[in-house]
Each structure stands twice: as structure tokens, then as C-alpha cells.
């Protein structure tokens, strides 16, 4: 599960920063990355 979750999170972060729908001009990935950490492990998210 963890490998799949990391791949899914990586794809979401790349899409957020370089969105094809908006001329590859997106955000900086903090909310996307922050949510990934919450779902991965509470210790990683806590730090």
C-alpha cells in the first residue's frame, strides 16, 4: 500500500505544480504534499 500511496502522492504533487490544464502553471505543492504525509504515517505528518 505504501508504495502505491507514494506514487499516487507524487503524481498529485507533480500535477499540482505543473498542471497540463492550466499551461503547466500551478501551485507549489504544500497542501498536496501535506495531505500525502497525513495519509502516509502520523509520525511523518507530525514532524
ModelCIF file with pLDDT and N, C-alpha, C, O atoms, coordinates in Angstrom:
data_MODEL
#
_entry.id   MODEL 
#
_entity.id                         1 
_entity.type                       polymer 
_entity.pdbx_number_of_molecules   1 
#
_entity_poly.entity_id                      1 
_entity_poly.type                           'polypeptide(L)' 
_entity_poly.nstd_linkage                   no 
_entity_poly.nstd_monomer                   no 
_entity_poly.pdbx_seq_one_letter_code       
;(UNK)(UNK)(UNK)(UNK)(UNK)(UNK)(UNK)(UNK)(UNK)(UNK)(UNK)(UNK)(UNK)(UNK)(UNK)(UNK)
(UNK)(UNK)(UNK)(UNK)(UNK)(UNK)(UNK)(UNK)(UNK)(UNK)(UNK)(UNK)(UNK)(UNK)(UNK)(UNK)
(UNK)(UNK)(UNK)(UNK)(UNK)(UNK)(UNK)(UNK)(UNK)(UNK)(UNK)(UNK)(UNK)(UNK)(UNK)
;
_entity_poly.pdbx_seq_one_letter_code_can   XXXXXXXXXXXXXXXXXXXXXXXXXXXXXXXXXXXXXXXXXXXXXXX 
_entity_poly.pdbx_strand_id                 A 
#
loop_
_entity_poly_seq.entity_id 
_entity_poly_seq.num 
_entity_poly_seq.mon_id 
_entity_poly_seq.hetero 
1 1  UNK n 
1 2  UNK n 
1 3  UNK n 
1 4  UNK n 
1 5  UNK n 
1 6  UNK n 
1 7  UNK n 
1 8  UNK n 
1 9  UNK n 
1 10 UNK n 
1 11 UNK n 
1 12 UNK n 
1 13 UNK n 
1 14 UNK n 
1 15 UNK n 
1 16 UNK n 
1 17 UNK n 
1 18 UNK n 
1 19 UNK n 
1 20 UNK n 
1 21 UNK n 
1 22 UNK n 
1 23 UNK n 
1 24 UNK n 
1 25 UNK n 
1 26 UNK n 
1 27 UNK n 
1 28 UNK n 
1 29 UNK n 
1 30 UNK n 
1 31 UNK n 
1 32 UNK n 
1 33 UNK n 
1 34 UNK n 
1 35 UNK n 
1 36 UNK n 
1 37 UNK n 
1 38 UNK n 
1 39 UNK n 
1 40 UNK n 
1 41 UNK n 
1 42 UNK n 
1 43 UNK n 
1 44 UNK n 
1 45 UNK n 
1 46 UNK n 
1 47 UNK n 
#
_struct_asym.id          A 
_struct_asym.entity_id   1 
#
loop_
_ma_qa_metric.id 
_ma_qa_metric.mode 
_ma_qa_metric.name 
_ma_qa_metric.software_group_id 
_ma_qa_metric.type 
1 global pLDDT . pLDDT 
2 local  pLDDT . pLDDT 
#
_ma_qa_metric_global.metric_id      1 
_ma_qa_metric_global.metric_value   94.32 
_ma_qa_metric_global.model_id       1 
_ma_qa_metric_global.ordinal_id     1 
#
loop_
_ma_qa_metric_local.label_asym_id 
_ma_qa_metric_local.label_comp_id 
_ma_qa_metric_local.label_seq_id 
_ma_qa_metric_local.metric_id 
_ma_qa_metric_local.metric_value 
_ma_qa_metric_local.model_id 
_ma_qa_metric_local.ordinal_id 
A UNK 1  2 97.00 1 1  
A UNK 2  2 97.00 1 2  
A UNK 3  2 97.00 1 3  
A UNK 4  2 98.00 1 4  
A UNK 5  2 98.00 1 5  
A UNK 6  2 98.00 1 6  
A UNK 7  2 98.00 1 7  
A UNK 8  2 98.00 1 8  
A UNK 9  2 97.00 1 9  
A UNK 10 2 97.00 1 10 
A UNK 11 2 97.00 1 11 
A UNK 12 2 97.00 1 12 
A UNK 13 2 96.00 1 13 
A UNK 14 2 96.00 1 14 
A UNK 15 2 96.00 1 15 
A UNK 16 2 94.00 1 16 
A UNK 17 2 94.00 1 17 
A UNK 18 2 94.00 1 18 
A UNK 19 2 92.00 1 19 
A UNK 20 2 93.00 1 20 
A UNK 21 2 89.00 1 21 
A UNK 22 2 86.00 1 22 
A UNK 23 2 85.00 1 23 
A UNK 24 2 88.00 1 24 
A UNK 25 2 85.00 1 25 
A UNK 26 2 86.00 1 26 
A UNK 27 2 88.00 1 27 
A UNK 28 2 91.00 1 28 
A UNK 29 2 91.00 1 29 
A UNK 30 2 91.00 1 30 
A UNK 31 2 91.00 1 31 
A UNK 32 2 94.00 1 32 
A UNK 33 2 94.00 1 33 
A UNK 34 2 94.00 1 34 
A UNK 35 2 96.00 1 35 
A UNK 36 2 97.00 1 36 
A UNK 37 2 97.00 1 37 
A UNK 38 2 96.00 1 38 
A UNK 39 2 96.00 1 39 
A UNK 40 2 96.00 1 40 
A UNK 41 2 96.00 1 41 
A UNK 42 2 96.00 1 42 
A UNK 43 2 97.00 1 43 
A UNK 44 2 97.00 1 44 
A UNK 45 2 97.00 1 45 
A UNK 46 2 98.00 1 46 
A UNK 47 2 97.00 1 47 
#
loop_
_atom_site.group_PDB 
_atom_site.id 
_atom_site.type_symbol 
_atom_site.label_atom_id 
_atom_site.label_alt_id 
_atom_site.label_comp_id 
_atom_site.label_asym_id 
_atom_site.label_entity_id 
_atom_site.label_seq_id 
_atom_site.pdbx_PDB_ins_code 
_atom_site.Cartn_x 
_atom_site.Cartn_y 
_atom_site.Cartn_z 
_atom_site.occupancy 
_atom_site.B_iso_or_equiv 
_atom_site.pdbx_formal_charge 
_atom_site.auth_seq_id 
_atom_site.auth_comp_id 
_atom_site.auth_asym_id 
_atom_site.auth_atom_id 
_atom_site.pdbx_PDB_model_num 
ATOM 1   N N  . UNK A 1 1  ? 0.828  -1.211 0.000   1.00 97.00 ? 1  UNK A N  1 
ATOM 2   C CA . UNK A 1 1  ? 0.000  0.000  0.000   1.00 97.00 ? 1  UNK A CA 1 
ATOM 3   C C  . UNK A 1 1  ? 0.862  1.260  0.000   1.00 97.00 ? 1  UNK A C  1 
ATOM 4   O O  . UNK A 1 1  ? 0.540  2.233  -0.682  1.00 97.00 ? 1  UNK A O  1 
ATOM 5   N N  . UNK A 1 2  ? 1.942  1.245  0.754   1.00 97.00 ? 2  UNK A N  1 
ATOM 6   C CA . UNK A 1 2  ? 2.774  2.442  0.892   1.00 97.00 ? 2  UNK A CA 1 
ATOM 7   C C  . UNK A 1 2  ? 3.402  2.864  -0.430  1.00 97.00 ? 2  UNK A C  1 
ATOM 8   O O  . UNK A 1 2  ? 3.445  4.054  -0.744  1.00 97.00 ? 2  UNK A O  1 
ATOM 9   N N  . UNK A 1 3  ? 3.884  1.908  -1.200  1.00 97.00 ? 3  UNK A N  1 
ATOM 10  C CA . UNK A 1 3  ? 4.487  2.239  -2.488  1.00 97.00 ? 3  UNK A CA 1 
ATOM 11  C C  . UNK A 1 3  ? 3.456  2.883  -3.407  1.00 97.00 ? 3  UNK A C  1 
ATOM 12  O O  . UNK A 1 3  ? 3.741  3.885  -4.064  1.00 97.00 ? 3  UNK A O  1 
ATOM 13  N N  . UNK A 1 4  ? 2.262  2.308  -3.452  1.00 98.00 ? 4  UNK A N  1 
ATOM 14  C CA . UNK A 1 4  ? 1.202  2.873  -4.272  1.00 98.00 ? 4  UNK A CA 1 
ATOM 15  C C  . UNK A 1 4  ? 0.792  4.253  -3.801  1.00 98.00 ? 4  UNK A C  1 
ATOM 16  O O  . UNK A 1 4  ? 0.520  5.138  -4.612  1.00 98.00 ? 4  UNK A O  1 
ATOM 17  N N  . UNK A 1 5  ? 0.747  4.438  -2.479  1.00 98.00 ? 5  UNK A N  1 
ATOM 18  C CA . UNK A 1 5  ? 0.386  5.734  -1.913  1.00 98.00 ? 5  UNK A CA 1 
ATOM 19  C C  . UNK A 1 5  ? 1.424  6.793  -2.265  1.00 98.00 ? 5  UNK A C  1 
ATOM 20  O O  . UNK A 1 5  ? 1.074  7.927  -2.593  1.00 98.00 ? 5  UNK A O  1 
ATOM 21  N N  . UNK A 1 6  ? 2.696  6.424  -2.195  1.00 98.00 ? 6  UNK A N  1 
ATOM 22  C CA . UNK A 1 6  ? 3.767  7.367  -2.558  1.00 98.00 ? 6  UNK A CA 1 
ATOM 23  C C  . UNK A 1 6  ? 3.718  7.732  -4.034  1.00 98.00 ? 6  UNK A C  1 
ATOM 24  O O  . UNK A 1 6  ? 3.923  8.890  -4.399  1.00 98.00 ? 6  UNK A O  1 
ATOM 25  N N  . UNK A 1 7  ? 3.447  6.754  -4.877  1.00 98.00 ? 7  UNK A N  1 
ATOM 26  C CA . UNK A 1 7  ? 3.334  7.029  -6.307  1.00 98.00 ? 7  UNK A CA 1 
ATOM 27  C C  . UNK A 1 7  ? 2.139  7.932  -6.593  1.00 98.00 ? 7  UNK A C  1 
ATOM 28  O O  . UNK A 1 7  ? 2.229  8.868  -7.388  1.00 98.00 ? 7  UNK A O  1 
ATOM 29  N N  . UNK A 1 8  ? 1.017  7.636  -5.933  1.00 98.00 ? 8  UNK A N  1 
ATOM 30  C CA . UNK A 1 8  ? -0.158 8.471  -6.104  1.00 98.00 ? 8  UNK A CA 1 
ATOM 31  C C  . UNK A 1 8  ? 0.080  9.884  -5.617  1.00 98.00 ? 8  UNK A C  1 
ATOM 32  O O  . UNK A 1 8  ? -0.334 10.848 -6.261  1.00 98.00 ? 8  UNK A O  1 
ATOM 33  N N  . UNK A 1 9  ? 0.750  10.010 -4.478  1.00 97.00 ? 9  UNK A N  1 
ATOM 34  C CA . UNK A 1 9  ? 1.066  11.329 -3.948  1.00 97.00 ? 9  UNK A CA 1 
ATOM 35  C C  . UNK A 1 9  ? 2.037  12.079 -4.842  1.00 97.00 ? 9  UNK A C  1 
ATOM 36  O O  . UNK A 1 9  ? 1.898  13.286 -5.041  1.00 97.00 ? 9  UNK A O  1 
ATOM 37  N N  . UNK A 1 10 ? 3.023  11.366 -5.383  1.00 97.00 ? 10 UNK A N  1 
ATOM 38  C CA . UNK A 1 10 ? 3.995  12.000 -6.279  1.00 97.00 ? 10 UNK A CA 1 
ATOM 39  C C  . UNK A 1 10 ? 3.308  12.539 -7.526  1.00 97.00 ? 10 UNK A C  1 
ATOM 40  O O  . UNK A 1 10 ? 3.585  13.655 -7.964  1.00 97.00 ? 10 UNK A O  1 
ATOM 41  N N  . UNK A 1 11 ? 2.415  11.742 -8.092  1.00 97.00 ? 11 UNK A N  1 
ATOM 42  C CA . UNK A 1 11 ? 1.683  12.185 -9.272  1.00 97.00 ? 11 UNK A CA 1 
ATOM 43  C C  . UNK A 1 11 ? 0.831  13.404 -8.994  1.00 97.00 ? 11 UNK A C  1 
ATOM 44  O O  . UNK A 1 11 ? 0.763  14.321 -9.813  1.00 97.00 ? 11 UNK A O  1 
ATOM 45  N N  . UNK A 1 12 ? 0.175  13.419 -7.833  1.00 97.00 ? 12 UNK A N  1 
ATOM 46  C CA . UNK A 1 12 ? -0.675 14.557 -7.465  1.00 97.00 ? 12 UNK A CA 1 
ATOM 47  C C  . UNK A 1 12 ? 0.154  15.827 -7.285  1.00 97.00 ? 12 UNK A C  1 
ATOM 48  O O  . UNK A 1 12 ? -0.264 16.906 -7.707  1.00 97.00 ? 12 UNK A O  1 
ATOM 49  N N  . UNK A 1 13 ? 1.315  15.706 -6.665  1.00 96.00 ? 13 UNK A N  1 
ATOM 50  C CA . UNK A 1 13 ? 2.183  16.870 -6.452  1.00 96.00 ? 13 UNK A CA 1 
ATOM 51  C C  . UNK A 1 13 ? 2.700  17.408 -7.786  1.00 96.00 ? 13 UNK A C  1 
ATOM 52  O O  . UNK A 1 13 ? 2.714  18.619 -8.008  1.00 96.00 ? 13 UNK A O  1 
ATOM 53  N N  . UNK A 1 14 ? 3.123  16.508 -8.670  1.00 96.00 ? 14 UNK A N  1 
ATOM 54  C CA . UNK A 1 14 ? 3.591  16.944 -9.991  1.00 96.00 ? 14 UNK A CA 1 
ATOM 55  C C  . UNK A 1 14 ? 2.467  17.659 -10.735 1.00 96.00 ? 14 UNK A C  1 
ATOM 56  O O  . UNK A 1 14 ? 2.684  18.707 -11.343 1.00 96.00 ? 14 UNK A O  1 
ATOM 57  N N  . UNK A 1 15 ? 1.257  17.081 -10.682 1.00 96.00 ? 15 UNK A N  1 
ATOM 58  C CA . UNK A 1 15 ? 0.124  17.697 -11.349 1.00 96.00 ? 15 UNK A CA 1 
ATOM 59  C C  . UNK A 1 15 ? -0.236 19.045 -10.767 1.00 96.00 ? 15 UNK A C  1 
ATOM 60  O O  . UNK A 1 15 ? -0.638 19.957 -11.490 1.00 96.00 ? 15 UNK A O  1 
ATOM 61  N N  . UNK A 1 16 ? -0.091 19.173 -9.450  1.00 94.00 ? 16 UNK A N  1 
ATOM 62  C CA . UNK A 1 16 ? -0.404 20.450 -8.804  1.00 94.00 ? 16 UNK A CA 1 
ATOM 63  C C  . UNK A 1 16 ? 0.586  21.541 -9.214  1.00 94.00 ? 16 UNK A C  1 
ATOM 64  O O  . UNK A 1 16 ? 0.197  22.688 -9.435  1.00 94.00 ? 16 UNK A O  1 
ATOM 65  N N  . UNK A 1 17 ? 1.845  21.186 -9.312  1.00 94.00 ? 17 UNK A N  1 
ATOM 66  C CA . UNK A 1 17 ? 2.874  22.169 -9.647  1.00 94.00 ? 17 UNK A CA 1 
ATOM 67  C C  . UNK A 1 17 ? 2.914  22.451 -11.153 1.00 94.00 ? 17 UNK A C  1 
ATOM 68  O O  . UNK A 1 17 ? 3.112  23.590 -11.576 1.00 94.00 ? 17 UNK A O  1 
ATOM 69  N N  . UNK A 1 18 ? 2.722  21.394 -11.956 1.00 94.00 ? 18 UNK A N  1 
ATOM 70  C CA . UNK A 1 18 ? 2.768  21.540 -13.412 1.00 94.00 ? 18 UNK A CA 1 
ATOM 71  C C  . UNK A 1 18 ? 1.473  21.020 -14.045 1.00 94.00 ? 18 UNK A C  1 
ATOM 72  O O  . UNK A 1 18 ? 1.491  19.980 -14.704 1.00 94.00 ? 18 UNK A O  1 
ATOM 73  N N  . UNK A 1 19 ? 0.363  21.717 -13.857 1.00 92.00 ? 19 UNK A N  1 
ATOM 74  C CA . UNK A 1 19 ? -0.926 21.235 -14.371 1.00 92.00 ? 19 UNK A CA 1 
ATOM 75  C C  . UNK A 1 19 ? -1.071 21.428 -15.875 1.00 92.00 ? 19 UNK A C  1 
ATOM 76  O O  . UNK A 1 19 ? -0.951 22.547 -16.374 1.00 92.00 ? 19 UNK A O  1 
ATOM 77  N N  . UNK A 1 20 ? -1.326 20.355 -16.589 1.00 93.00 ? 20 UNK A N  1 
ATOM 78  C CA . UNK A 1 20 ? -1.479 20.436 -18.040 1.00 93.00 ? 20 UNK A CA 1 
ATOM 79  C C  . UNK A 1 20 ? -2.710 21.248 -18.416 1.00 93.00 ? 20 UNK A C  1 
ATOM 80  O O  . UNK A 1 20 ? -2.752 21.838 -19.495 1.00 93.00 ? 20 UNK A O  1 
ATOM 81  N N  . UNK A 1 21 ? -3.722 21.290 -17.537 1.00 89.00 ? 21 UNK A N  1 
ATOM 82  C CA . UNK A 1 21 ? -4.953 22.024 -17.828 1.00 89.00 ? 21 UNK A CA 1 
ATOM 83  C C  . UNK A 1 21 ? -4.761 23.535 -17.776 1.00 89.00 ? 21 UNK A C  1 
ATOM 84  O O  . UNK A 1 21 ? -5.556 24.280 -18.349 1.00 89.00 ? 21 UNK A O  1 
ATOM 85  N N  . UNK A 1 22 ? -3.722 23.990 -17.099 1.00 86.00 ? 22 UNK A N  1 
ATOM 86  C CA . UNK A 1 22 ? -3.532 25.423 -16.882 1.00 86.00 ? 22 UNK A CA 1 
ATOM 87  C C  . UNK A 1 22 ? -2.158 25.899 -17.350 1.00 86.00 ? 22 UNK A C  1 
ATOM 88  O O  . UNK A 1 22 ? -1.517 26.723 -16.698 1.00 86.00 ? 22 UNK A O  1 
ATOM 89  N N  . UNK A 1 23 ? -1.724 25.371 -18.478 1.00 85.00 ? 23 UNK A N  1 
ATOM 90  C CA . UNK A 1 23 ? -0.458 25.816 -19.048 1.00 85.00 ? 23 UNK A CA 1 
ATOM 91  C C  . UNK A 1 23 ? 0.750  25.500 -18.193 1.00 85.00 ? 23 UNK A C  1 
ATOM 92  O O  . UNK A 1 23 ? 1.754  26.210 -18.254 1.00 85.00 ? 23 UNK A O  1 
ATOM 93  N N  . UNK A 1 24 ? 0.669  24.426 -17.380 1.00 88.00 ? 24 UNK A N  1 
ATOM 94  C CA . UNK A 1 24 ? 1.766  23.979 -16.522 1.00 88.00 ? 24 UNK A CA 1 
ATOM 95  C C  . UNK A 1 24 ? 2.173  25.045 -15.499 1.00 88.00 ? 24 UNK A C  1 
ATOM 96  O O  . UNK A 1 24 ? 3.311  25.062 -15.029 1.00 88.00 ? 24 UNK A O  1 
ATOM 97  N N  . UNK A 1 25 ? 1.241  25.922 -15.165 1.00 85.00 ? 25 UNK A N  1 
ATOM 98  C CA . UNK A 1 25 ? 1.499  26.972 -14.181 1.00 85.00 ? 25 UNK A CA 1 
ATOM 99  C C  . UNK A 1 25 ? 0.577  26.756 -12.985 1.00 85.00 ? 25 UNK A C  1 
ATOM 100 O O  . UNK A 1 25 ? -0.572 27.198 -12.997 1.00 85.00 ? 25 UNK A O  1 
ATOM 101 N N  . UNK A 1 26 ? 1.076  26.082 -11.959 1.00 86.00 ? 26 UNK A N  1 
ATOM 102 C CA . UNK A 1 26 ? 0.244  25.739 -10.819 1.00 86.00 ? 26 UNK A CA 1 
ATOM 103 C C  . UNK A 1 26 ? 0.763  26.290 -9.510  1.00 86.00 ? 26 UNK A C  1 
ATOM 104 O O  . UNK A 1 26 ? 1.365  27.363 -9.463  1.00 86.00 ? 26 UNK A O  1 
ATOM 105 N N  . UNK A 1 27 ? 0.521  25.533 -8.439  1.00 88.00 ? 27 UNK A N  1 
ATOM 106 C CA . UNK A 1 27 ? 0.952  25.947 -7.110  1.00 88.00 ? 27 UNK A CA 1 
ATOM 107 C C  . UNK A 1 27 ? 2.301  25.357 -6.754  1.00 88.00 ? 27 UNK A C  1 
ATOM 108 O O  . UNK A 1 27 ? 3.054  24.930 -7.629  1.00 88.00 ? 27 UNK A O  1 
ATOM 109 N N  . UNK A 1 28 ? 2.604  25.334 -5.460  1.00 91.00 ? 28 UNK A N  1 
ATOM 110 C CA . UNK A 1 28 ? 3.922  24.879 -5.019  1.00 91.00 ? 28 UNK A CA 1 
ATOM 111 C C  . UNK A 1 28 ? 3.883  23.557 -4.268  1.00 91.00 ? 28 UNK A C  1 
ATOM 112 O O  . UNK A 1 28 ? 4.909  23.098 -3.765  1.00 91.00 ? 28 UNK A O  1 
ATOM 113 N N  . UNK A 1 29 ? 2.714  22.947 -4.189  1.00 91.00 ? 29 UNK A N  1 
ATOM 114 C CA . UNK A 1 29 ? 2.628  21.579 -3.703  1.00 91.00 ? 29 UNK A CA 1 
ATOM 115 C C  . UNK A 1 29 ? 2.550  21.383 -2.205  1.00 91.00 ? 29 UNK A C  1 
ATOM 116 O O  . UNK A 1 29 ? 2.663  20.252 -1.733  1.00 91.00 ? 29 UNK A O  1 
ATOM 117 N N  . UNK A 1 30 ? 2.360  22.456 -1.432  1.00 91.00 ? 30 UNK A N  1 
ATOM 118 C CA . UNK A 1 30 ? 2.375  22.303 0.026   1.00 91.00 ? 30 UNK A CA 1 
ATOM 119 C C  . UNK A 1 30 ? 1.124  21.594 0.545   1.00 91.00 ? 30 UNK A C  1 
ATOM 120 O O  . UNK A 1 30 ? 1.228  20.658 1.338   1.00 91.00 ? 30 UNK A O  1 
ATOM 121 N N  . UNK A 1 31 ? -0.048 22.028 0.109   1.00 91.00 ? 31 UNK A N  1 
ATOM 122 C CA . UNK A 1 31 ? -1.268 21.359 0.556   1.00 91.00 ? 31 UNK A CA 1 
ATOM 123 C C  . UNK A 1 31 ? -1.314 19.917 0.069   1.00 91.00 ? 31 UNK A C  1 
ATOM 124 O O  . UNK A 1 31 ? -1.690 19.011 0.812   1.00 91.00 ? 31 UNK A O  1 
ATOM 125 N N  . UNK A 1 32 ? -0.928 19.714 -1.187  1.00 94.00 ? 32 UNK A N  1 
ATOM 126 C CA . UNK A 1 32 ? -0.912 18.359 -1.733  1.00 94.00 ? 32 UNK A CA 1 
ATOM 127 C C  . UNK A 1 32 ? 0.080  17.479 -0.970  1.00 94.00 ? 32 UNK A C  1 
ATOM 128 O O  . UNK A 1 32 ? -0.240 16.357 -0.576  1.00 94.00 ? 32 UNK A O  1 
ATOM 129 N N  . UNK A 1 33 ? 1.284  18.007 -0.770  1.00 94.00 ? 33 UNK A N  1 
ATOM 130 C CA . UNK A 1 33 ? 2.291  17.244 -0.032  1.00 94.00 ? 33 UNK A CA 1 
ATOM 131 C C  . UNK A 1 33 ? 1.912  17.027 1.412   1.00 94.00 ? 33 UNK A C  1 
ATOM 132 O O  . UNK A 1 33 ? 2.158  15.958 1.971   1.00 94.00 ? 33 UNK A O  1 
ATOM 133 N N  . UNK A 1 34 ? 1.310  18.042 2.027   1.00 94.00 ? 34 UNK A N  1 
ATOM 134 C CA . UNK A 1 34 ? 0.895  17.923 3.420   1.00 94.00 ? 34 UNK A CA 1 
ATOM 135 C C  . UNK A 1 34 ? -0.146 16.851 3.618   1.00 94.00 ? 34 UNK A C  1 
ATOM 136 O O  . UNK A 1 34 ? -0.110 16.118 4.606   1.00 94.00 ? 34 UNK A O  1 
ATOM 137 N N  . UNK A 1 35 ? -1.087 16.751 2.675   1.00 96.00 ? 35 UNK A N  1 
ATOM 138 C CA . UNK A 1 35 ? -2.108 15.709 2.767   1.00 96.00 ? 35 UNK A CA 1 
ATOM 139 C C  . UNK A 1 35 ? -1.509 14.326 2.569   1.00 96.00 ? 35 UNK A C  1 
ATOM 140 O O  . UNK A 1 35 ? -1.914 13.368 3.226   1.00 96.00 ? 35 UNK A O  1 
ATOM 141 N N  . UNK A 1 36 ? -0.549 14.226 1.668   1.00 97.00 ? 36 UNK A N  1 
ATOM 142 C CA . UNK A 1 36 ? 0.135  12.949 1.458   1.00 97.00 ? 36 UNK A CA 1 
ATOM 143 C C  . UNK A 1 36 ? 0.763  12.454 2.747   1.00 97.00 ? 36 UNK A C  1 
ATOM 144 O O  . UNK A 1 36 ? 0.650  11.273 3.077   1.00 97.00 ? 36 UNK A O  1 
ATOM 145 N N  . UNK A 1 37 ? 1.418  13.336 3.476   1.00 97.00 ? 37 UNK A N  1 
ATOM 146 C CA . UNK A 1 37 ? 2.081  12.947 4.723   1.00 97.00 ? 37 UNK A CA 1 
ATOM 147 C C  . UNK A 1 37 ? 1.076  12.480 5.768   1.00 97.00 ? 37 UNK A C  1 
ATOM 148 O O  . UNK A 1 37 ? 1.327  11.518 6.495   1.00 97.00 ? 37 UNK A O  1 
ATOM 149 N N  . UNK A 1 38 ? -0.063 13.166 5.840   1.00 96.00 ? 38 UNK A N  1 
ATOM 150 C CA . UNK A 1 38 ? -1.109 12.773 6.785   1.00 96.00 ? 38 UNK A CA 1 
ATOM 151 C C  . UNK A 1 38 ? -1.572 11.348 6.509   1.00 96.00 ? 38 UNK A C  1 
ATOM 152 O O  . UNK A 1 38 ? -1.810 10.570 7.433   1.00 96.00 ? 38 UNK A O  1 
ATOM 153 N N  . UNK A 1 39 ? -1.697 11.018 5.235   1.00 96.00 ? 39 UNK A N  1 
ATOM 154 C CA . UNK A 1 39 ? -2.201 9.696  4.870   1.00 96.00 ? 39 UNK A CA 1 
ATOM 155 C C  . UNK A 1 39 ? -1.141 8.611  4.938   1.00 96.00 ? 39 UNK A C  1 
ATOM 156 O O  . UNK A 1 39 ? -1.465 7.429  5.056   1.00 96.00 ? 39 UNK A O  1 
ATOM 157 N N  . UNK A 1 40 ? 0.124  9.005  4.865   1.00 96.00 ? 40 UNK A N  1 
ATOM 158 C CA . UNK A 1 40 ? 1.199  8.011  4.917   1.00 96.00 ? 40 UNK A CA 1 
ATOM 159 C C  . UNK A 1 40 ? 1.434  7.485  6.322   1.00 96.00 ? 40 UNK A C  1 
ATOM 160 O O  . UNK A 1 40 ? 1.360  6.280  6.564   1.00 96.00 ? 40 UNK A O  1 
ATOM 161 N N  . UNK A 1 41 ? 1.720  8.402  7.255   1.00 96.00 ? 41 UNK A N  1 
ATOM 162 C CA . UNK A 1 41 ? 2.046  7.978  8.618   1.00 96.00 ? 41 UNK A CA 1 
ATOM 163 C C  . UNK A 1 41 ? 1.948  9.180  9.553   1.00 96.00 ? 41 UNK A C  1 
ATOM 164 O O  . UNK A 1 41 ? 2.445  10.258 9.225   1.00 96.00 ? 41 UNK A O  1 
ATOM 165 N N  . UNK A 1 42 ? 1.320  9.010  10.702  1.00 96.00 ? 42 UNK A N  1 
ATOM 166 C CA . UNK A 1 42 ? 1.098  10.133 11.614  1.00 96.00 ? 42 UNK A CA 1 
ATOM 167 C C  . UNK A 1 42 ? 2.413  10.714 12.137  1.00 96.00 ? 42 UNK A C  1 
ATOM 168 O O  . UNK A 1 42 ? 2.486  11.904 12.445  1.00 96.00 ? 42 UNK A O  1 
ATOM 169 N N  . UNK A 1 43 ? 3.451  9.879  12.240  1.00 97.00 ? 43 UNK A N  1 
ATOM 170 C CA . UNK A 1 43 ? 4.734  10.370 12.751  1.00 97.00 ? 43 UNK A CA 1 
ATOM 171 C C  . UNK A 1 43 ? 5.404  11.298 11.738  1.00 97.00 ? 43 UNK A C  1 
ATOM 172 O O  . UNK A 1 43 ? 5.958  12.335 12.103  1.00 97.00 ? 43 UNK A O  1 
ATOM 173 N N  . UNK A 1 44 ? 5.346  10.915 10.468  1.00 97.00 ? 44 UNK A N  1 
ATOM 174 C CA . UNK A 1 44 ? 5.907  11.770 9.420   1.00 97.00 ? 44 UNK A CA 1 
ATOM 175 C C  . UNK A 1 44 ? 5.145  13.084 9.361   1.00 97.00 ? 44 UNK A C  1 
ATOM 176 O O  . UNK A 1 44 ? 5.739  14.156 9.252   1.00 97.00 ? 44 UNK A O  1 
ATOM 177 N N  . UNK A 1 45 ? 3.824  12.989 9.434   1.00 97.00 ? 45 UNK A N  1 
ATOM 178 C CA . UNK A 1 45 ? 2.977  14.184 9.379   1.00 97.00 ? 45 UNK A CA 1 
ATOM 179 C C  . UNK A 1 45 ? 3.199  15.086 10.587  1.00 97.00 ? 45 UNK A C  1 
ATOM 180 O O  . UNK A 1 45 ? 3.220  16.310 10.457  1.00 97.00 ? 45 UNK A O  1 
ATOM 181 N N  . UNK A 1 46 ? 3.364  14.486 11.755  1.00 98.00 ? 46 UNK A N  1 
ATOM 182 C CA . UNK A 1 46 ? 3.550  15.264 12.982  1.00 98.00 ? 46 UNK A CA 1 
ATOM 183 C C  . UNK A 1 46 ? 4.813  16.112 12.913  1.00 98.00 ? 46 UNK A C  1 
ATOM 184 O O  . UNK A 1 46 ? 4.795  17.289 13.274  1.00 98.00 ? 46 UNK A O  1 
ATOM 185 N N  . UNK A 1 47 ? 5.898  15.522 12.453  1.00 97.00 ? 47 UNK A N  1 
ATOM 186 C CA . UNK A 1 47 ? 7.163  16.261 12.343  1.00 97.00 ? 47 UNK A CA 1 
ATOM 187 C C  . UNK A 1 47 ? 7.039  17.388 11.319  1.00 97.00 ? 47 UNK A C  1 
ATOM 188 O O  . UNK A 1 47 ? 8.001  18.121 11.088  1.00 97.00 ? 47 UNK A O  1 
#
